[in-house]
Full PDB file with SEQRES, HELIX, SHEET, SSBOND, CRYST1, ORIGX, SCALE, CONECT and MASTER records, all heavy atoms in Angstrom:
SEQRES   1 A   36  ALA ARG ARG TYR ALA LEU ASP PRO ALA ARG PRO VAL GLN          
SEQRES   2 A   36  TRP GLU VAL GLU ALA LEU GLU PRO ASP GLU LEU GLN ARG          
SEQRES   3 A   36  LEU VAL LEU ALA ALA VAL ASP PRO TYR VAL                      
HELIX    1 AA1 VAL A   16  ALA A   18  5                                   3    
HELIX    2 AA2 PRO A   21  VAL A   32  1                                  12    
HELIX    3 AA3 ASP A   33  TYR A   35  5                                   3    
CRYST1    1.000    1.000    1.000  90.00  90.00  90.00 P 1           1          
ORIGX1      1.000000  0.000000  0.000000        0.00000                         
ORIGX2      0.000000  1.000000  0.000000        0.00000                         
ORIGX3      0.000000  0.000000  1.000000        0.00000                         
SCALE1      1.000000  0.000000  0.000000        0.00000                         
SCALE2      0.000000  1.000000  0.000000        0.00000                         
SCALE3      0.000000  0.000000  1.000000        0.00000                         
ATOM      1  N   ALA A   1      10.303 -11.591  -0.490  1.00  0.00           N  
ATOM      2  CA  ALA A   1      10.252 -12.360   0.757  1.00  0.00           C  
ATOM      3  C   ALA A   1      11.590 -12.298   1.492  1.00  0.00           C  
ATOM      4  O   ALA A   1      11.625 -12.091   2.719  1.00  0.00           O  
ATOM      5  CB  ALA A   1       9.865 -13.817   0.469  1.00  0.00           C  
ATOM      6  N   ARG A   2      12.673 -12.449   0.764  1.00  0.00           N  
ATOM      7  CA  ARG A   2      13.995 -12.339   1.398  1.00  0.00           C  
ATOM      8  C   ARG A   2      14.221 -10.955   1.979  1.00  0.00           C  
ATOM      9  O   ARG A   2      14.713 -10.812   3.089  1.00  0.00           O  
ATOM     10  CB  ARG A   2      15.097 -12.665   0.383  1.00  0.00           C  
ATOM     11  CG  ARG A   2      15.294 -14.145   0.136  1.00  0.00           C  
ATOM     12  CD  ARG A   2      16.546 -14.419  -0.687  1.00  0.00           C  
ATOM     13  NE  ARG A   2      16.531 -13.766  -1.994  1.00  0.00           N  
ATOM     14  CZ  ARG A   2      15.934 -14.256  -3.086  1.00  0.00           C  
ATOM     15  NH1 ARG A   2      15.316 -15.428  -3.024  1.00  0.00           N  
ATOM     16  NH2 ARG A   2      15.989 -13.614  -4.228  1.00  0.00           N  
ATOM     17  N   ARG A   3      13.857  -9.932   1.228  1.00  0.00           N  
ATOM     18  CA  ARG A   3      14.078  -8.550   1.672  1.00  0.00           C  
ATOM     19  C   ARG A   3      13.345  -8.247   2.971  1.00  0.00           C  
ATOM     20  O   ARG A   3      13.849  -7.519   3.824  1.00  0.00           O  
ATOM     21  CB  ARG A   3      13.636  -7.591   0.578  1.00  0.00           C  
ATOM     22  CG  ARG A   3      13.873  -6.139   0.912  1.00  0.00           C  
ATOM     23  CD  ARG A   3      13.509  -5.259  -0.247  1.00  0.00           C  
ATOM     24  NE  ARG A   3      13.849  -3.882   0.058  1.00  0.00           N  
ATOM     25  CZ  ARG A   3      13.629  -2.895  -0.748  1.00  0.00           C  
ATOM     26  NH1 ARG A   3      13.078  -3.104  -1.921  1.00  0.00           N  
ATOM     27  NH2 ARG A   3      13.954  -1.669  -0.403  1.00  0.00           N  
ATOM     28  N   TYR A   4      12.147  -8.781   3.138  1.00  0.00           N  
ATOM     29  CA  TYR A   4      11.323  -8.461   4.309  1.00  0.00           C  
ATOM     30  C   TYR A   4      11.156  -9.635   5.265  1.00  0.00           C  
ATOM     31  O   TYR A   4      10.253  -9.634   6.096  1.00  0.00           O  
ATOM     32  CB  TYR A   4       9.963  -7.924   3.856  1.00  0.00           C  
ATOM     33  CG  TYR A   4      10.115  -6.608   3.140  1.00  0.00           C  
ATOM     34  CD1 TYR A   4      10.009  -6.532   1.760  1.00  0.00           C  
ATOM     35  CD2 TYR A   4      10.392  -5.439   3.852  1.00  0.00           C  
ATOM     36  CE1 TYR A   4      10.163  -5.321   1.101  1.00  0.00           C  
ATOM     37  CE2 TYR A   4      10.546  -4.226   3.200  1.00  0.00           C  
ATOM     38  CZ  TYR A   4      10.438  -4.179   1.827  1.00  0.00           C  
ATOM     39  OH  TYR A   4      10.601  -2.974   1.185  1.00  0.00           O  
ATOM     40  N   ALA A   5      12.021 -10.615   5.168  1.00  0.00           N  
ATOM     41  CA  ALA A   5      12.033 -11.767   6.073  1.00  0.00           C  
ATOM     42  C   ALA A   5      10.682 -12.480   6.120  1.00  0.00           C  
ATOM     43  O   ALA A   5      10.166 -12.815   7.184  1.00  0.00           O  
ATOM     44  CB  ALA A   5      12.474 -11.338   7.473  1.00  0.00           C  
ATOM     45  N   LEU A   6      10.116 -12.720   4.943  1.00  0.00           N  
ATOM     46  CA  LEU A   6       8.858 -13.458   4.831  1.00  0.00           C  
ATOM     47  C   LEU A   6       9.162 -14.854   4.306  1.00  0.00           C  
ATOM     48  O   LEU A   6      10.262 -15.130   3.821  1.00  0.00           O  
ATOM     49  CB  LEU A   6       7.901 -12.714   3.897  1.00  0.00           C  
ATOM     50  CG  LEU A   6       7.507 -11.309   4.368  1.00  0.00           C  
ATOM     51  CD1 LEU A   6       6.779 -10.562   3.258  1.00  0.00           C  
ATOM     52  CD2 LEU A   6       6.647 -11.371   5.618  1.00  0.00           C  
ATOM     53  N   ASP A   7       8.188 -15.731   4.381  1.00  0.00           N  
ATOM     54  CA  ASP A   7       8.357 -17.113   3.943  1.00  0.00           C  
ATOM     55  C   ASP A   7       8.319 -17.181   2.411  1.00  0.00           C  
ATOM     56  O   ASP A   7       7.275 -16.943   1.808  1.00  0.00           O  
ATOM     57  CB  ASP A   7       7.235 -17.965   4.542  1.00  0.00           C  
ATOM     58  CG  ASP A   7       7.347 -19.434   4.188  1.00  0.00           C  
ATOM     59  OD1 ASP A   7       8.240 -19.815   3.402  1.00  0.00           O  
ATOM     60  OD2 ASP A   7       6.522 -20.212   4.712  1.00  0.00           O  
ATOM     61  N   PRO A   8       9.442 -17.521   1.762  1.00  0.00           N  
ATOM     62  CA  PRO A   8       9.458 -17.584   0.298  1.00  0.00           C  
ATOM     63  C   PRO A   8       8.507 -18.627  -0.277  1.00  0.00           C  
ATOM     64  O   PRO A   8       8.097 -18.524  -1.424  1.00  0.00           O  
ATOM     65  CB  PRO A   8      10.915 -17.939  -0.046  1.00  0.00           C  
ATOM     66  CG  PRO A   8      11.699 -17.687   1.184  1.00  0.00           C  
ATOM     67  CD  PRO A   8      10.760 -17.787   2.343  1.00  0.00           C  
ATOM     68  N   ALA A   9       8.146 -19.619   0.522  1.00  0.00           N  
ATOM     69  CA  ALA A   9       7.249 -20.678   0.044  1.00  0.00           C  
ATOM     70  C   ALA A   9       5.776 -20.297   0.179  1.00  0.00           C  
ATOM     71  O   ALA A   9       4.911 -21.012  -0.315  1.00  0.00           O  
ATOM     72  CB  ALA A   9       7.517 -21.969   0.819  1.00  0.00           C  
ATOM     73  N   ARG A  10       5.484 -19.205   0.853  1.00  0.00           N  
ATOM     74  CA  ARG A  10       4.083 -18.811   1.096  1.00  0.00           C  
ATOM     75  C   ARG A  10       3.866 -17.353   0.657  1.00  0.00           C  
ATOM     76  O   ARG A  10       3.947 -16.434   1.462  1.00  0.00           O  
ATOM     77  CB  ARG A  10       3.760 -18.956   2.579  1.00  0.00           C  
ATOM     78  CG  ARG A  10       2.309 -18.717   2.889  1.00  0.00           C  
ATOM     79  CD  ARG A  10       2.015 -18.945   4.374  1.00  0.00           C  
ATOM     80  NE  ARG A  10       0.767 -18.295   4.704  1.00  0.00           N  
ATOM     81  CZ  ARG A  10       0.657 -17.111   5.275  1.00  0.00           C  
ATOM     82  NH1 ARG A  10       1.717 -16.444   5.628  1.00  0.00           N  
ATOM     83  NH2 ARG A  10      -0.512 -16.591   5.518  1.00  0.00           N  
ATOM     84  N   PRO A  11       3.607 -17.144  -0.646  1.00  0.00           N  
ATOM     85  CA  PRO A  11       3.406 -15.769  -1.110  1.00  0.00           C  
ATOM     86  C   PRO A  11       2.154 -15.139  -0.497  1.00  0.00           C  
ATOM     87  O   PRO A  11       1.113 -15.787  -0.375  1.00  0.00           O  
ATOM     88  CB  PRO A  11       3.265 -15.901  -2.617  1.00  0.00           C  
ATOM     89  CG  PRO A  11       3.128 -17.342  -2.909  1.00  0.00           C  
ATOM     90  CD  PRO A  11       3.485 -18.118  -1.701  1.00  0.00           C  
ATOM     91  N   VAL A  12       2.288 -13.894  -0.097  1.00  0.00           N  
ATOM     92  CA  VAL A  12       1.164 -13.136   0.430  1.00  0.00           C  
ATOM     93  C   VAL A  12       1.125 -11.779  -0.262  1.00  0.00           C  
ATOM     94  O   VAL A  12       2.104 -11.354  -0.880  1.00  0.00           O  
ATOM     95  CB  VAL A  12       1.251 -12.941   1.967  1.00  0.00           C  
ATOM     96  CG1 VAL A  12       1.104 -14.256   2.696  1.00  0.00           C  
ATOM     97  CG2 VAL A  12       2.530 -12.238   2.358  1.00  0.00           C  
ATOM     98  N   GLN A  13      -0.002 -11.111  -0.156  1.00  0.00           N  
ATOM     99  CA  GLN A  13      -0.150  -9.778  -0.713  1.00  0.00           C  
ATOM    100  C   GLN A  13      -1.086  -8.973   0.168  1.00  0.00           C  
ATOM    101  O   GLN A  13      -1.834  -9.534   0.968  1.00  0.00           O  
ATOM    102  CB  GLN A  13      -0.668  -9.841  -2.154  1.00  0.00           C  
ATOM    103  CG  GLN A  13      -2.049 -10.465  -2.275  1.00  0.00           C  
ATOM    104  CD  GLN A  13      -2.439 -10.677  -3.725  1.00  0.00           C  
ATOM    105  OE1 GLN A  13      -1.599 -10.804  -4.606  1.00  0.00           O  
ATOM    106  NE2 GLN A  13      -3.720 -10.718  -3.983  1.00  0.00           N  
ATOM    107  N   TRP A  14      -1.021  -7.676   0.016  1.00  0.00           N  
ATOM    108  CA  TRP A  14      -1.868  -6.765   0.762  1.00  0.00           C  
ATOM    109  C   TRP A  14      -2.555  -5.864  -0.240  1.00  0.00           C  
ATOM    110  O   TRP A  14      -1.926  -5.350  -1.161  1.00  0.00           O  
ATOM    111  CB  TRP A  14      -1.035  -5.932   1.737  1.00  0.00           C  
ATOM    112  CG  TRP A  14      -0.346  -6.783   2.740  1.00  0.00           C  
ATOM    113  CD1 TRP A  14      -0.815  -7.134   3.965  1.00  0.00           C  
ATOM    114  CD2 TRP A  14       0.934  -7.400   2.613  1.00  0.00           C  
ATOM    115  NE1 TRP A  14       0.090  -7.944   4.609  1.00  0.00           N  
ATOM    116  CE2 TRP A  14       1.182  -8.117   3.797  1.00  0.00           C  
ATOM    117  CE3 TRP A  14       1.911  -7.437   1.622  1.00  0.00           C  
ATOM    118  CZ2 TRP A  14       2.348  -8.844   4.015  1.00  0.00           C  
ATOM    119  CZ3 TRP A  14       3.061  -8.156   1.825  1.00  0.00           C  
ATOM    120  CH2 TRP A  14       3.270  -8.850   3.016  1.00  0.00           C  
ATOM    121  N   GLU A  15      -3.838  -5.669  -0.069  1.00  0.00           N  
ATOM    122  CA  GLU A  15      -4.622  -4.888  -1.019  1.00  0.00           C  
ATOM    123  C   GLU A  15      -4.843  -3.477  -0.501  1.00  0.00           C  
ATOM    124  O   GLU A  15      -5.252  -3.280   0.646  1.00  0.00           O  
ATOM    125  CB  GLU A  15      -5.981  -5.555  -1.269  1.00  0.00           C  
ATOM    126  CG  GLU A  15      -5.887  -6.975  -1.793  1.00  0.00           C  
ATOM    127  CD  GLU A  15      -5.290  -7.052  -3.197  1.00  0.00           C  
ATOM    128  OE1 GLU A  15      -5.406  -6.070  -3.958  1.00  0.00           O  
ATOM    129  OE2 GLU A  15      -4.704  -8.093  -3.518  1.00  0.00           O  
ATOM    130  N   VAL A  16      -4.598  -2.496  -1.351  1.00  0.00           N  
ATOM    131  CA  VAL A  16      -4.804  -1.101  -0.982  1.00  0.00           C  
ATOM    132  C   VAL A  16      -6.288  -0.848  -0.664  1.00  0.00           C  
ATOM    133  O   VAL A  16      -6.615   0.013   0.136  1.00  0.00           O  
ATOM    134  CB  VAL A  16      -4.275  -0.157  -2.087  1.00  0.00           C  
ATOM    135  CG1 VAL A  16      -5.121  -0.235  -3.333  1.00  0.00           C  
ATOM    136  CG2 VAL A  16      -4.167   1.255  -1.584  1.00  0.00           C  
ATOM    137  N   GLU A  17      -7.169  -1.646  -1.233  1.00  0.00           N  
ATOM    138  CA  GLU A  17      -8.602  -1.488  -0.989  1.00  0.00           C  
ATOM    139  C   GLU A  17      -8.982  -1.784   0.456  1.00  0.00           C  
ATOM    140  O   GLU A  17     -10.083  -1.485   0.894  1.00  0.00           O  
ATOM    141  CB  GLU A  17      -9.417  -2.389  -1.920  1.00  0.00           C  
ATOM    142  CG  GLU A  17      -9.332  -2.012  -3.375  1.00  0.00           C  
ATOM    143  CD  GLU A  17      -8.126  -2.638  -4.081  1.00  0.00           C  
ATOM    144  OE1 GLU A  17      -7.353  -3.396  -3.451  1.00  0.00           O  
ATOM    145  OE2 GLU A  17      -7.949  -2.354  -5.270  1.00  0.00           O  
ATOM    146  N   ALA A  18      -8.062  -2.397   1.223  1.00  0.00           N  
ATOM    147  CA  ALA A  18      -8.343  -2.685   2.632  1.00  0.00           C  
ATOM    148  C   ALA A  18      -8.266  -1.417   3.487  1.00  0.00           C  
ATOM    149  O   ALA A  18      -8.732  -1.419   4.623  1.00  0.00           O  
ATOM    150  CB  ALA A  18      -7.365  -3.732   3.166  1.00  0.00           C  
ATOM    151  N   LEU A  19      -7.703  -0.349   2.953  1.00  0.00           N  
ATOM    152  CA  LEU A  19      -7.669   0.916   3.689  1.00  0.00           C  
ATOM    153  C   LEU A  19      -9.062   1.520   3.739  1.00  0.00           C  
ATOM    154  O   LEU A  19      -9.885   1.309   2.845  1.00  0.00           O  
ATOM    155  CB  LEU A  19      -6.732   1.912   2.994  1.00  0.00           C  
ATOM    156  CG  LEU A  19      -5.248   1.621   3.069  1.00  0.00           C  
ATOM    157  CD1 LEU A  19      -4.492   2.563   2.133  1.00  0.00           C  
ATOM    158  CD2 LEU A  19      -4.742   1.778   4.488  1.00  0.00           C  
ATOM    159  N   GLU A  20      -9.310   2.307   4.774  1.00  0.00           N  
ATOM    160  CA  GLU A  20     -10.568   3.054   4.837  1.00  0.00           C  
ATOM    161  C   GLU A  20     -10.611   4.006   3.644  1.00  0.00           C  
ATOM    162  O   GLU A  20      -9.582   4.627   3.312  1.00  0.00           O  
ATOM    163  CB  GLU A  20     -10.653   3.850   6.144  1.00  0.00           C  
ATOM    164  CG  GLU A  20     -10.828   2.985   7.374  1.00  0.00           C  
ATOM    165  CD  GLU A  20     -12.160   2.265   7.386  1.00  0.00           C  
ATOM    166  OE1 GLU A  20     -13.172   2.837   6.923  1.00  0.00           O  
ATOM    167  OE2 GLU A  20     -12.195   1.107   7.844  1.00  0.00           O  
ATOM    168  N   PRO A  21     -11.757   4.169   2.993  1.00  0.00           N  
ATOM    169  CA  PRO A  21     -11.831   5.040   1.804  1.00  0.00           C  
ATOM    170  C   PRO A  21     -11.315   6.465   2.050  1.00  0.00           C  
ATOM    171  O   PRO A  21     -10.609   7.015   1.199  1.00  0.00           O  
ATOM    172  CB  PRO A  21     -13.319   5.044   1.450  1.00  0.00           C  
ATOM    173  CG  PRO A  21     -13.818   3.741   1.987  1.00  0.00           C  
ATOM    174  CD  PRO A  21     -13.028   3.485   3.246  1.00  0.00           C  
ATOM    175  N   ASP A  22     -11.644   7.043   3.199  1.00  0.00           N  
ATOM    176  CA  ASP A  22     -11.171   8.408   3.477  1.00  0.00           C  
ATOM    177  C   ASP A  22      -9.649   8.459   3.578  1.00  0.00           C  
ATOM    178  O   ASP A  22      -9.014   9.419   3.126  1.00  0.00           O  
ATOM    179  CB  ASP A  22     -11.793   8.949   4.758  1.00  0.00           C  
ATOM    180  CG  ASP A  22     -13.270   9.259   4.613  1.00  0.00           C  
ATOM    181  OD1 ASP A  22     -13.750   9.359   3.460  1.00  0.00           O  
ATOM    182  OD2 ASP A  22     -13.953   9.415   5.651  1.00  0.00           O  
ATOM    183  N   GLU A  23      -9.042   7.426   4.164  1.00  0.00           N  
ATOM    184  CA  GLU A  23      -7.589   7.394   4.288  1.00  0.00           C  
ATOM    185  C   GLU A  23      -6.938   7.161   2.929  1.00  0.00           C  
ATOM    186  O   GLU A  23      -5.921   7.779   2.608  1.00  0.00           O  
ATOM    187  CB  GLU A  23      -7.152   6.315   5.285  1.00  0.00           C  
ATOM    188  CG  GLU A  23      -5.667   6.256   5.508  1.00  0.00           C  
ATOM    189  CD  GLU A  23      -5.065   7.521   6.116  1.00  0.00           C  
ATOM    190  OE1 GLU A  23      -5.801   8.465   6.488  1.00  0.00           O  
ATOM    191  OE2 GLU A  23      -3.833   7.584   6.204  1.00  0.00           O  
ATOM    192  N   LEU A  24      -7.525   6.300   2.127  1.00  0.00           N  
ATOM    193  CA  LEU A  24      -7.014   6.063   0.783  1.00  0.00           C  
ATOM    194  C   LEU A  24      -7.051   7.366  -0.026  1.00  0.00           C  
ATOM    195  O   LEU A  24      -6.068   7.726  -0.683  1.00  0.00           O  
ATOM    196  CB  LEU A  24      -7.830   4.972   0.089  1.00  0.00           C  
ATOM    197  CG  LEU A  24      -7.454   4.633  -1.347  1.00  0.00           C  
ATOM    198  CD1 LEU A  24      -6.004   4.209  -1.457  1.00  0.00           C  
ATOM    199  CD2 LEU A  24      -8.377   3.547  -1.877  1.00  0.00           C  
ATOM    200  N   GLN A  25      -8.155   8.082   0.049  1.00  0.00           N  
ATOM    201  CA  GLN A  25      -8.270   9.364  -0.655  1.00  0.00           C  
ATOM    202  C   GLN A  25      -7.210  10.353  -0.152  1.00  0.00           C  
ATOM    203  O   GLN A  25      -6.560  11.030  -0.934  1.00  0.00           O  
ATOM    204  CB  GLN A  25      -9.661   9.954  -0.482  1.00  0.00           C  
ATOM    205  CG  GLN A  25      -9.828  11.282  -1.199  1.00  0.00           C  
ATOM    206  CD  GLN A  25     -11.209  11.878  -1.024  1.00  0.00           C  
ATOM    207  OE1 GLN A  25     -11.968  11.473  -0.147  1.00  0.00           O  
ATOM    208  NE2 GLN A  25     -11.539  12.839  -1.845  1.00  0.00           N  
ATOM    209  N   ARG A  26      -7.014  10.417   1.143  1.00  0.00           N  
ATOM    210  CA  ARG A  26      -6.028  11.337   1.716  1.00  0.00           C  
ATOM    211  C   ARG A  26      -4.628  11.011   1.200  1.00  0.00           C  
ATOM    212  O   ARG A  26      -3.875  11.902   0.800  1.00  0.00           O  
ATOM    213  CB  ARG A  26      -6.055  11.261   3.251  1.00  0.00           C  
ATOM    214  CG  ARG A  26      -5.157  12.300   3.920  1.00  0.00           C  
ATOM    215  CD  ARG A  26      -4.982  12.026   5.401  1.00  0.00           C  
ATOM    216  NE  ARG A  26      -4.162  10.853   5.679  1.00  0.00           N  
ATOM    217  CZ  ARG A  26      -2.828  10.808   5.530  1.00  0.00           C  
ATOM    218  NH1 ARG A  26      -2.173  11.850   5.096  1.00  0.00           N  
ATOM    219  NH2 ARG A  26      -2.161   9.691   5.806  1.00  0.00           N  
ATOM    220  N   LEU A  27      -4.276   9.730   1.181  1.00  0.00           N  
ATOM    221  CA  LEU A  27      -2.954   9.320   0.712  1.00  0.00           C  
ATOM    222  C   LEU A  27      -2.742   9.640  -0.768  1.00  0.00           C  
ATOM    223  O   LEU A  27      -1.675  10.123  -1.167  1.00  0.00           O  
ATOM    224  CB  LEU A  27      -2.743   7.822   0.960  1.00  0.00           C  
ATOM    225  CG  LEU A  27      -2.590   7.408   2.421  1.00  0.00           C  
ATOM    226  CD1 LEU A  27      -2.658   5.898   2.547  1.00  0.00           C  
ATOM    227  CD2 LEU A  27      -1.313   7.958   3.009  1.00  0.00           C  
ATOM    228  N   VAL A  28      -3.747   9.384  -1.578  1.00  0.00           N  
ATOM    229  CA  VAL A  28      -3.625   9.663  -3.013  1.00  0.00           C  
ATOM    230  C   VAL A  28      -3.485  11.164  -3.255  1.00  0.00           C  
ATOM    231  O   VAL A  28      -2.615  11.612  -4.004  1.00  0.00           O  
ATOM    232  CB  VAL A  28      -4.819   9.081  -3.806  1.00  0.00           C  
ATOM    233  CG1 VAL A  28      -4.817   9.575  -5.242  1.00  0.00           C  
ATOM    234  CG2 VAL A  28      -4.791   7.561  -3.764  1.00  0.00           C  
ATOM    235  N   LEU A  29      -4.334  11.964  -2.607  1.00  0.00           N  
ATOM    236  CA  LEU A  29      -4.252  13.419  -2.794  1.00  0.00           C  
ATOM    237  C   LEU A  29      -2.919  13.973  -2.311  1.00  0.00           C  
ATOM    238  O   LEU A  29      -2.333  14.855  -2.943  1.00  0.00           O  
ATOM    239  CB  LEU A  29      -5.421  14.112  -2.095  1.00  0.00           C  
ATOM    240  CG  LEU A  29      -6.796  13.853  -2.721  1.00  0.00           C  
ATOM    241  CD1 LEU A  29      -7.898  14.501  -1.877  1.00  0.00           C  
ATOM    242  CD2 LEU A  29      -6.845  14.337  -4.157  1.00  0.00           C  
ATOM    243  N   ALA A  30      -2.419  13.459  -1.196  1.00  0.00           N  
ATOM    244  CA  ALA A  30      -1.122  13.911  -0.688  1.00  0.00           C  
ATOM    245  C   ALA A  30       0.003  13.537  -1.653  1.00  0.00           C  
ATOM    246  O   ALA A  30       0.954  14.305  -1.838  1.00  0.00           O  
ATOM    247  CB  ALA A  30      -0.857  13.315   0.695  1.00  0.00           C  
ATOM    248  N   ALA A  31      -0.089  12.391  -2.289  1.00  0.00           N  
ATOM    249  CA  ALA A  31       0.940  11.949  -3.225  1.00  0.00           C  
ATOM    250  C   ALA A  31       0.915  12.761  -4.520  1.00  0.00           C  
ATOM    251  O   ALA A  31       1.956  13.034  -5.110  1.00  0.00           O  
ATOM    252  CB  ALA A  31       0.760  10.466  -3.536  1.00  0.00           C  
ATOM    253  N   VAL A  32      -0.252  13.168  -4.949  1.00  0.00           N  
ATOM    254  CA  VAL A  32      -0.399  13.905  -6.201  1.00  0.00           C  
ATOM    255  C   VAL A  32      -0.122  15.398  -6.012  1.00  0.00           C  
ATOM    256  O   VAL A  32       0.368  16.063  -6.923  1.00  0.00           O  
ATOM    257  CB  VAL A  32      -1.822  13.686  -6.772  1.00  0.00           C  
ATOM    258  CG1 VAL A  32      -2.105  14.595  -7.951  1.00  0.00           C  
ATOM    259  CG2 VAL A  32      -2.005  12.223  -7.172  1.00  0.00           C  
ATOM    260  N   ASP A  33      -0.387  15.916  -4.838  1.00  0.00           N  
ATOM    261  CA  ASP A  33      -0.306  17.355  -4.580  1.00  0.00           C  
ATOM    262  C   ASP A  33       0.986  18.019  -5.052  1.00  0.00           C  
ATOM    263  O   ASP A  33       0.928  19.085  -5.665  1.00  0.00           O  
ATOM    264  CB  ASP A  33      -0.543  17.639  -3.094  1.00  0.00           C  
ATOM    265  CG  ASP A  33      -0.629  19.125  -2.820  1.00  0.00           C  
ATOM    266  OD1 ASP A  33      -1.594  19.754  -3.300  1.00  0.00           O  
ATOM    267  OD2 ASP A  33       0.286  19.652  -2.144  1.00  0.00           O  
ATOM    268  N   PRO A  34       2.164  17.443  -4.807  1.00  0.00           N  
ATOM    269  CA  PRO A  34       3.388  18.127  -5.246  1.00  0.00           C  
ATOM    270  C   PRO A  34       3.501  18.307  -6.762  1.00  0.00           C  
ATOM    271  O   PRO A  34       4.279  19.121  -7.226  1.00  0.00           O  
ATOM    272  CB  PRO A  34       4.518  17.213  -4.752  1.00  0.00           C  
ATOM    273  CG  PRO A  34       3.918  16.354  -3.715  1.00  0.00           C  
ATOM    274  CD  PRO A  34       2.464  16.231  -4.048  1.00  0.00           C  
ATOM    275  N   TYR A  35       2.722  17.569  -7.535  1.00  0.00           N  
ATOM    276  CA  TYR A  35       2.815  17.615  -8.987  1.00  0.00           C  
ATOM    277  C   TYR A  35       1.747  18.495  -9.626  1.00  0.00           C  
ATOM    278  O   TYR A  35       1.710  18.618 -10.846  1.00  0.00           O  
ATOM    279  CB  TYR A  35       2.727  16.194  -9.553  1.00  0.00           C  
ATOM    280  CG  TYR A  35       3.758  15.292  -8.949  1.00  0.00           C  
ATOM    281  CD1 TYR A  35       3.419  14.358  -7.974  1.00  0.00           C  
ATOM    282  CD2 TYR A  35       5.092  15.391  -9.317  1.00  0.00           C  
ATOM    283  CE1 TYR A  35       4.379  13.535  -7.407  1.00  0.00           C  
ATOM    284  CE2 TYR A  35       6.062  14.576  -8.752  1.00  0.00           C  
ATOM    285  CZ  TYR A  35       5.690  13.655  -7.798  1.00  0.00           C  
ATOM    286  OH  TYR A  35       6.639  12.845  -7.235  1.00  0.00           O  
ATOM    287  N   VAL A  36       0.879  19.080  -8.820  1.00  0.00           N  
ATOM    288  CA  VAL A  36      -0.211  19.891  -9.351  1.00  0.00           C  
ATOM    289  C   VAL A  36       0.313  21.279  -9.701  1.00  0.00           C  
ATOM    290  O   VAL A  36       0.896  21.963  -8.861  1.00  0.00           O  
ATOM    291  CB  VAL A  36      -1.367  19.996  -8.334  1.00  0.00           C  
ATOM    292  CG1 VAL A  36      -2.442  20.959  -8.821  1.00  0.00           C  
ATOM    293  CG2 VAL A  36      -1.965  18.618  -8.074  1.00  0.00           C  
TER     294      VAL A  36                                                      
MASTER        0    0    0    3    0    0    0    6  293    1    0    3          
END                                                                             
């Protein structure tokens, strides 16, 4: 919260599942590609 100027008293989170499935797949494949 301090690092990103958020309210330390109000924890929040963001879920990767909120991404569109096609975009999530694209991001995962792009991240893995250099290691193949």
